[in-house]
Amino acid sequence: MQLELEDPYVVVYKQIHVVVDDKGSRVELMERSSCYGGSAWARYHYSNGPLVKSSRNLGEWFRYMISPGKVDLDLISSKRSAGIESVIVKDKEVEITYAGLGGGGVGATLSRAHAEDVLRYDATECGGGRVARGTIVLPRRERLIIGVDDTDSKTEGATWTLIHNIANKVDRHEARYVSHSLVQLFPVPTKTQNCVSTAVEFACLPDKAEAMLSDFKALLSKYSVSTQTGMAVFRGFDPSSLLAFGVRCKRERVQYEDAQEAARESGVSIMMNGQGLIGAVAALPFCARPDESIVPANL
């Protein structure tokens, strides 16, 4: 059998999503890579562009915090070979234009044009020594974070595994599962074993997450082996208003009423109100921060 490559110069990203705040002034671009090396190269060059305020990777996901606008990238071979040229936020869509030289132009155009969630695209010719540009149009999404704690017993279960499996099961076009964090809390006497709660993050189409949340809660209720499960939901671009409470829960024992107050002040919805609500609310601000969230406060 003779082997052939369908398209030898294109490596298509698995998924690309964009989350926007209510005012349209802050954008997070999330690209799920099919080739870590290529995406690491892109991250290095893209991060030198003026629209990108910060960048990082979480496993396959490469994430960029961006200010909307349009700039002249002034591309220079080997030094600044590719970048994000413009980000235009509309009511229901976001247009992102990439530009690149040579192989960077290939990545900037066709590699992204065929990723999941791209509604349509426009790309110039790419490859060789020319500058290539590609614009992709994505649905405007919003961030939704679910915090959960206390689903196990002394002899059965583990919260982080159950929540990851539930999140995978309810993942759908309307609500894409994009990150998972274990959050180390203060080891209170009532803990089952390690005193760790969990936060999972979804990129959702506006007003389309209710069915996912209903399914998530139903599965959690079905498979939790605890009568004290807590489930809390934050909808918004930035959960940092809860960070002081989350850090406090890492350092000391916190009362149930304090978790209720923190939830109320930050607009958190309480979907299951067992004693695990404390850890559930504390997990929310550590969304997409898995390397930090697992560290005890005394280290």
Protein backbone atom coordinates (compact mmCIF):
# COMPACT_ATOMS: atom_id res chain seq x y z
CA MET A 1 0.00 0.00 0.00
CA GLN A 2 1.35 3.41 -0.96
CA LEU A 3 1.08 5.96 1.83
CA GLU A 4 -0.03 9.50 1.06
CA LEU A 5 -0.52 12.69 3.04
CA GLU A 6 -3.85 14.43 2.57
CA ASP A 7 -2.27 17.87 3.04
CA PRO A 8 1.44 17.73 3.88
CA TYR A 9 1.76 21.36 4.95
CA VAL A 10 -1.28 21.82 7.17
CA VAL A 11 -1.67 20.70 10.80
CA VAL A 12 -5.22 21.55 11.83
CA TYR A 13 -5.94 22.76 15.36
CA LYS A 14 -8.48 20.56 17.16
CA GLN A 15 -10.56 23.40 18.62
CA ILE A 16 -10.47 27.19 18.84
CA HIS A 17 -12.76 29.09 21.18
CA VAL A 18 -12.96 32.71 22.24
CA VAL A 19 -14.37 33.95 25.55
CA VAL A 20 -15.32 37.63 25.92
CA ASP A 21 -16.32 39.75 28.91
CA ASP A 22 -19.68 41.53 29.08
CA LYS A 23 -18.26 44.84 27.81
CA GLY A 24 -16.35 43.33 24.91
CA SER A 25 -13.11 44.81 26.23
CA ARG A 26 -11.33 41.62 27.31
CA VAL A 27 -10.86 38.52 25.22
CA GLU A 28 -9.35 35.12 25.93
CA LEU A 29 -8.45 33.04 22.89
CA MET A 30 -8.15 29.29 23.50
CA GLU A 31 -6.49 27.10 20.87
CA ARG A 32 -6.35 23.32 21.31
CA SER A 33 -3.26 22.13 19.53
CA SER A 34 -2.61 19.06 17.39
CA CYS A 35 1.16 19.70 17.45
CA TYR A 36 2.68 21.06 20.66
CA GLY A 37 5.93 22.16 18.99
CA GLY A 38 4.16 24.23 16.36
CA SER A 39 1.87 25.85 18.92
CA ALA A 40 4.82 26.61 21.22
CA TRP A 41 6.51 28.40 18.30
CA ALA A 42 3.32 30.36 17.64
CA ARG A 43 2.95 31.28 21.31
CA TYR A 44 6.48 32.69 21.43
CA HIS A 45 5.98 34.90 18.38
CA TYR A 46 2.36 35.86 19.08
CA SER A 47 3.24 36.91 22.61
CA ASN A 48 5.52 39.62 21.19
CA GLY A 49 2.57 41.28 19.49
CA PRO A 50 0.95 44.37 21.05
CA LEU A 51 -2.57 42.92 21.27
CA VAL A 52 -1.51 39.92 23.37
CA LYS A 53 -1.27 40.85 27.05
CA SER A 54 -0.32 37.40 28.36
CA SER A 55 -0.18 33.80 27.21
CA ARG A 56 0.23 30.32 28.66
CA ASN A 57 -0.43 26.69 27.88
CA LEU A 58 -2.39 24.07 29.81
CA GLY A 59 -1.74 20.69 28.25
CA GLU A 60 -2.99 20.85 24.67
CA TRP A 61 -4.57 24.26 25.20
CA PHE A 62 -2.70 27.47 24.33
CA ARG A 63 -4.43 30.49 25.82
CA TYR A 64 -4.01 34.19 25.02
CA MET A 65 -5.37 37.18 26.92
CA ILE A 66 -6.00 39.84 24.30
CA SER A 67 -7.14 43.44 24.03
CA PRO A 68 -9.41 43.93 20.98
CA GLY A 69 -8.09 46.17 18.22
CA LYS A 70 -6.02 46.25 15.04
CA VAL A 71 -2.23 46.72 14.76
CA ASP A 72 0.62 46.66 12.27
CA LEU A 73 2.79 43.70 13.28
CA ASP A 74 5.89 44.69 11.28
CA LEU A 75 6.89 41.04 10.78
CA ILE A 76 10.60 40.19 10.81
CA SER A 77 11.93 36.79 9.79
CA SER A 78 13.13 34.62 12.72
CA LYS A 79 12.44 37.33 15.29
CA ARG A 80 8.76 38.22 14.95
CA SER A 81 7.59 35.89 12.21
CA ALA A 82 3.87 35.71 13.04
CA GLY A 83 1.22 37.28 15.20
CA ILE A 84 -2.37 38.32 15.83
CA GLU A 85 -3.06 41.36 13.69
CA SER A 86 -6.61 42.20 14.73
CA VAL A 87 -9.41 41.11 17.04
CA ILE A 88 -12.86 42.55 16.37
CA VAL A 89 -15.63 41.79 18.88
CA LYS A 90 -19.23 41.87 17.67
CA ASP A 91 -22.53 41.02 19.37
CA LYS A 92 -22.46 37.31 18.58
CA GLU A 93 -19.16 36.77 16.78
CA VAL A 94 -15.46 37.54 17.07
CA GLU A 95 -13.17 38.03 14.07
CA ILE A 96 -9.49 37.22 14.54
CA THR A 97 -6.87 37.94 11.89
CA TYR A 98 -3.50 36.17 12.02
CA ALA A 99 -0.46 36.99 9.89
CA GLY A 100 2.81 35.17 9.35
CA LEU A 101 5.87 34.68 7.18
CA GLY A 102 6.61 31.35 5.47
CA GLY A 103 5.60 28.41 7.67
CA GLY A 104 4.18 30.89 10.15
CA GLY A 105 1.78 31.99 7.46
CA VAL A 106 0.62 28.40 6.98
CA GLY A 107 -0.14 28.14 10.70
CA ALA A 108 -1.78 31.54 10.67
CA THR A 109 -4.22 30.56 7.95
CA LEU A 110 -5.20 27.02 6.98
CA SER A 111 -4.16 25.33 10.23
CA ARG A 112 -6.75 27.38 12.07
CA ALA A 113 -9.37 27.74 9.34
CA HIS A 114 -10.57 24.15 9.72
CA ALA A 115 -10.57 23.94 13.52
CA GLU A 116 -13.75 23.09 15.40
CA ASP A 117 -15.87 26.17 16.25
CA VAL A 118 -14.68 28.22 13.27
CA LEU A 119 -17.81 29.51 11.56
CA ARG A 120 -16.09 30.77 8.42
CA TYR A 121 -12.71 31.99 7.28
CA ASP A 122 -10.85 33.98 4.64
CA ALA A 123 -7.20 33.16 3.90
CA THR A 124 -4.57 34.35 1.45
CA GLU A 125 -2.00 32.09 -0.20
CA CYS A 126 0.67 30.91 2.22
CA GLY A 127 4.09 29.27 2.32
CA GLY A 128 7.44 30.23 0.87
CA GLY A 129 8.70 33.73 1.67
CA ARG A 130 5.43 35.60 1.37
CA VAL A 131 3.34 37.17 4.14
CA ALA A 132 0.07 35.31 4.61
CA ARG A 133 -3.04 36.43 6.44
CA GLY A 134 -6.06 34.56 7.59
CA THR A 135 -9.24 35.71 9.32
CA ILE A 136 -11.38 33.26 11.26
CA VAL A 137 -14.82 34.02 12.64
CA LEU A 138 -15.77 32.38 15.92
CA PRO A 139 -18.94 32.44 18.02
CA ARG A 140 -18.64 34.78 20.99
CA ARG A 141 -18.60 32.64 24.14
CA GLU A 142 -18.72 33.32 27.87
CA ARG A 143 -16.95 31.60 30.74
CA LEU A 144 -18.79 29.32 33.17
CA ILE A 145 -17.01 27.69 36.12
CA ILE A 146 -18.38 24.86 38.27
CA GLY A 147 -16.90 24.21 41.71
CA VAL A 148 -17.61 20.92 43.50
CA ASP A 149 -16.54 19.37 46.80
CA ASP A 150 -17.44 16.42 49.01
CA THR A 151 -18.60 13.67 46.67
CA ASP A 152 -16.67 10.77 48.24
CA SER A 153 -16.51 8.78 51.46
CA LYS A 154 -13.72 7.28 53.57
CA THR A 155 -13.88 4.10 51.49
CA GLU A 156 -15.17 5.11 48.06
CA GLY A 157 -14.82 7.78 45.39
CA ALA A 158 -12.60 10.71 44.44
CA THR A 159 -14.07 14.11 43.64
CA TRP A 160 -11.60 15.12 40.94
CA THR A 161 -12.13 11.95 38.89
CA LEU A 162 -15.91 12.08 39.12
CA ILE A 163 -16.03 15.75 38.11
CA HIS A 164 -13.68 15.25 35.16
CA ASN A 165 -15.76 12.34 33.91
CA ILE A 166 -19.01 14.27 34.31
CA ALA A 167 -17.55 17.30 32.52
CA ASN A 168 -16.42 15.08 29.65
CA LYS A 169 -19.87 13.50 29.43
CA VAL A 170 -21.79 16.81 29.32
CA ASP A 171 -19.33 18.51 26.95
CA ARG A 172 -21.24 19.75 23.88
CA HIS A 173 -21.20 22.47 21.23
CA GLU A 174 -23.14 24.88 23.44
CA ALA A 175 -20.80 24.37 26.42
CA ARG A 176 -17.24 23.21 25.73
CA TYR A 177 -15.23 21.69 28.59
CA VAL A 178 -11.82 23.41 28.55
CA SER A 179 -10.06 23.06 31.92
CA HIS A 180 -9.92 21.15 35.23
CA SER A 181 -8.21 22.15 38.50
CA LEU A 182 -7.73 20.33 41.79
CA VAL A 183 -7.70 22.77 44.71
CA GLN A 184 -5.85 21.88 47.91
CA LEU A 185 -7.74 23.17 50.95
CA PHE A 186 -6.94 23.39 54.64
CA PRO A 187 -7.15 19.84 56.10
CA VAL A 188 -10.21 20.18 58.33
CA PRO A 189 -11.16 17.32 60.72
CA THR A 190 -14.25 16.49 58.64
CA LYS A 191 -12.24 15.80 55.45
CA THR A 192 -12.50 12.38 53.80
CA GLN A 193 -8.82 12.09 52.90
CA ASN A 194 -6.84 14.83 51.10
CA CYS A 195 -9.25 17.80 51.45
CA VAL A 196 -9.19 18.70 47.77
CA SER A 197 -12.02 20.34 45.83
CA THR A 198 -12.39 20.68 42.05
CA ALA A 199 -13.16 23.42 39.52
CA VAL A 200 -14.05 22.79 35.88
CA GLU A 201 -14.36 25.47 33.21
CA PHE A 202 -16.65 25.66 30.20
CA ALA A 203 -16.69 28.06 27.24
CA CYS A 204 -20.40 28.56 26.60
CA LEU A 205 -22.60 30.14 24.00
CA PRO A 206 -24.63 32.90 25.69
CA ASP A 207 -27.78 31.63 27.37
CA LYS A 208 -27.15 28.07 26.13
CA ALA A 209 -25.68 26.43 29.24
CA GLU A 210 -28.81 25.48 31.18
CA ALA A 211 -29.19 22.01 29.66
CA MET A 212 -25.53 21.25 30.36
CA LEU A 213 -25.87 22.42 33.97
CA SER A 214 -29.00 20.33 34.46
CA ASP A 215 -27.24 17.24 33.12
CA PHE A 216 -24.15 17.96 35.22
CA LYS A 217 -26.18 18.25 38.41
CA ALA A 218 -28.15 15.09 37.61
CA LEU A 219 -24.98 13.05 37.11
CA LEU A 220 -23.42 14.54 40.23
CA SER A 221 -26.48 13.64 42.28
CA LYS A 222 -26.51 10.13 40.84
CA TYR A 223 -22.86 9.24 41.39
CA SER A 224 -21.87 11.18 44.51
CA VAL A 225 -21.53 8.87 47.52
CA SER A 226 -21.81 11.74 50.01
CA THR A 227 -24.84 13.46 51.47
CA GLN A 228 -22.87 16.71 51.84
CA THR A 229 -22.01 17.51 48.22
CA GLY A 230 -21.64 21.16 47.31
CA MET A 231 -21.94 22.55 43.77
CA ALA A 232 -21.41 26.24 42.94
CA VAL A 233 -21.50 28.02 39.57
CA PHE A 234 -19.80 31.28 38.54
CA ARG A 235 -20.66 32.91 35.23
CA GLY A 236 -18.32 35.66 34.14
CA PHE A 237 -14.96 36.46 32.63
CA ASP A 238 -12.95 36.85 35.83
CA PRO A 239 -13.61 35.03 39.16
CA SER A 240 -10.85 36.91 41.04
CA SER A 241 -13.40 38.53 43.38
CA LEU A 242 -13.46 35.12 45.08
CA LEU A 243 -9.70 34.75 45.37
CA ALA A 244 -9.39 36.10 48.93
CA PHE A 245 -11.98 33.57 50.09
CA GLY A 246 -10.27 30.76 48.18
CA VAL A 247 -6.88 31.56 49.70
CA ARG A 248 -8.44 31.74 53.15
CA CYS A 249 -9.86 28.24 52.67
CA LYS A 250 -6.35 27.04 51.94
CA ARG A 251 -5.01 28.56 55.18
CA GLU A 252 -7.67 27.91 57.77
CA ARG A 253 -10.96 26.28 58.59
CA VAL A 254 -13.86 28.34 57.26
CA GLN A 255 -17.49 28.37 58.32
CA TYR A 256 -20.35 27.40 56.04
CA GLU A 257 -21.95 30.83 56.45
CA ASP A 258 -18.77 32.47 55.13
CA ALA A 259 -19.06 30.44 51.92
CA GLN A 260 -22.68 31.50 51.53
CA GLU A 261 -21.70 35.16 51.95
CA ALA A 262 -18.80 34.90 49.47
CA ALA A 263 -21.11 33.26 46.95
CA ARG A 264 -23.75 35.93 47.38
CA GLU A 265 -21.28 38.82 47.03
CA SER A 266 -19.84 37.44 43.76
CA GLY A 267 -23.12 36.37 42.17
CA VAL A 268 -22.40 32.64 42.50
CA SER A 269 -25.32 30.25 42.00
CA ILE A 270 -25.61 27.48 44.58
CA MET A 271 -26.90 24.29 42.94
CA MET A 272 -26.15 21.79 45.73
CA ASN A 273 -25.88 23.12 49.27
CA GLY A 274 -24.21 20.42 51.37
CA GLN A 275 -21.24 21.15 53.64
CA GLY A 276 -19.05 20.74 50.54
CA LEU A 277 -20.26 24.15 49.40
CA ILE A 278 -17.28 25.67 51.26
CA GLY A 279 -14.77 23.88 49.05
CA ALA A 280 -16.93 24.32 45.96
CA VAL A 281 -16.93 28.11 46.28
CA ALA A 282 -13.25 28.15 47.22
CA ALA A 283 -12.38 26.25 44.03
CA LEU A 284 -13.94 28.78 41.64
CA PRO A 285 -11.16 31.43 41.59
CA PHE A 286 -8.56 28.73 40.84
CA CYS A 287 -10.19 27.93 37.51
CA ALA A 288 -7.55 27.14 34.84
CA ARG A 289 -4.74 27.42 37.41
CA PRO A 290 -4.04 23.73 38.10
CA ASP A 291 -0.34 24.09 38.87
CA GLU A 292 -1.01 26.77 41.50
CA SER A 293 -4.27 25.45 42.89
CA ILE A 294 -2.87 22.14 44.09
CA VAL A 295 -0.15 23.74 46.26
CA PRO A 296 -0.94 23.96 50.01
CA ALA A 297 -0.99 27.49 51.41
CA ASN A 298 1.93 26.84 53.76
CA LEU A 299 4.39 26.10 50.90
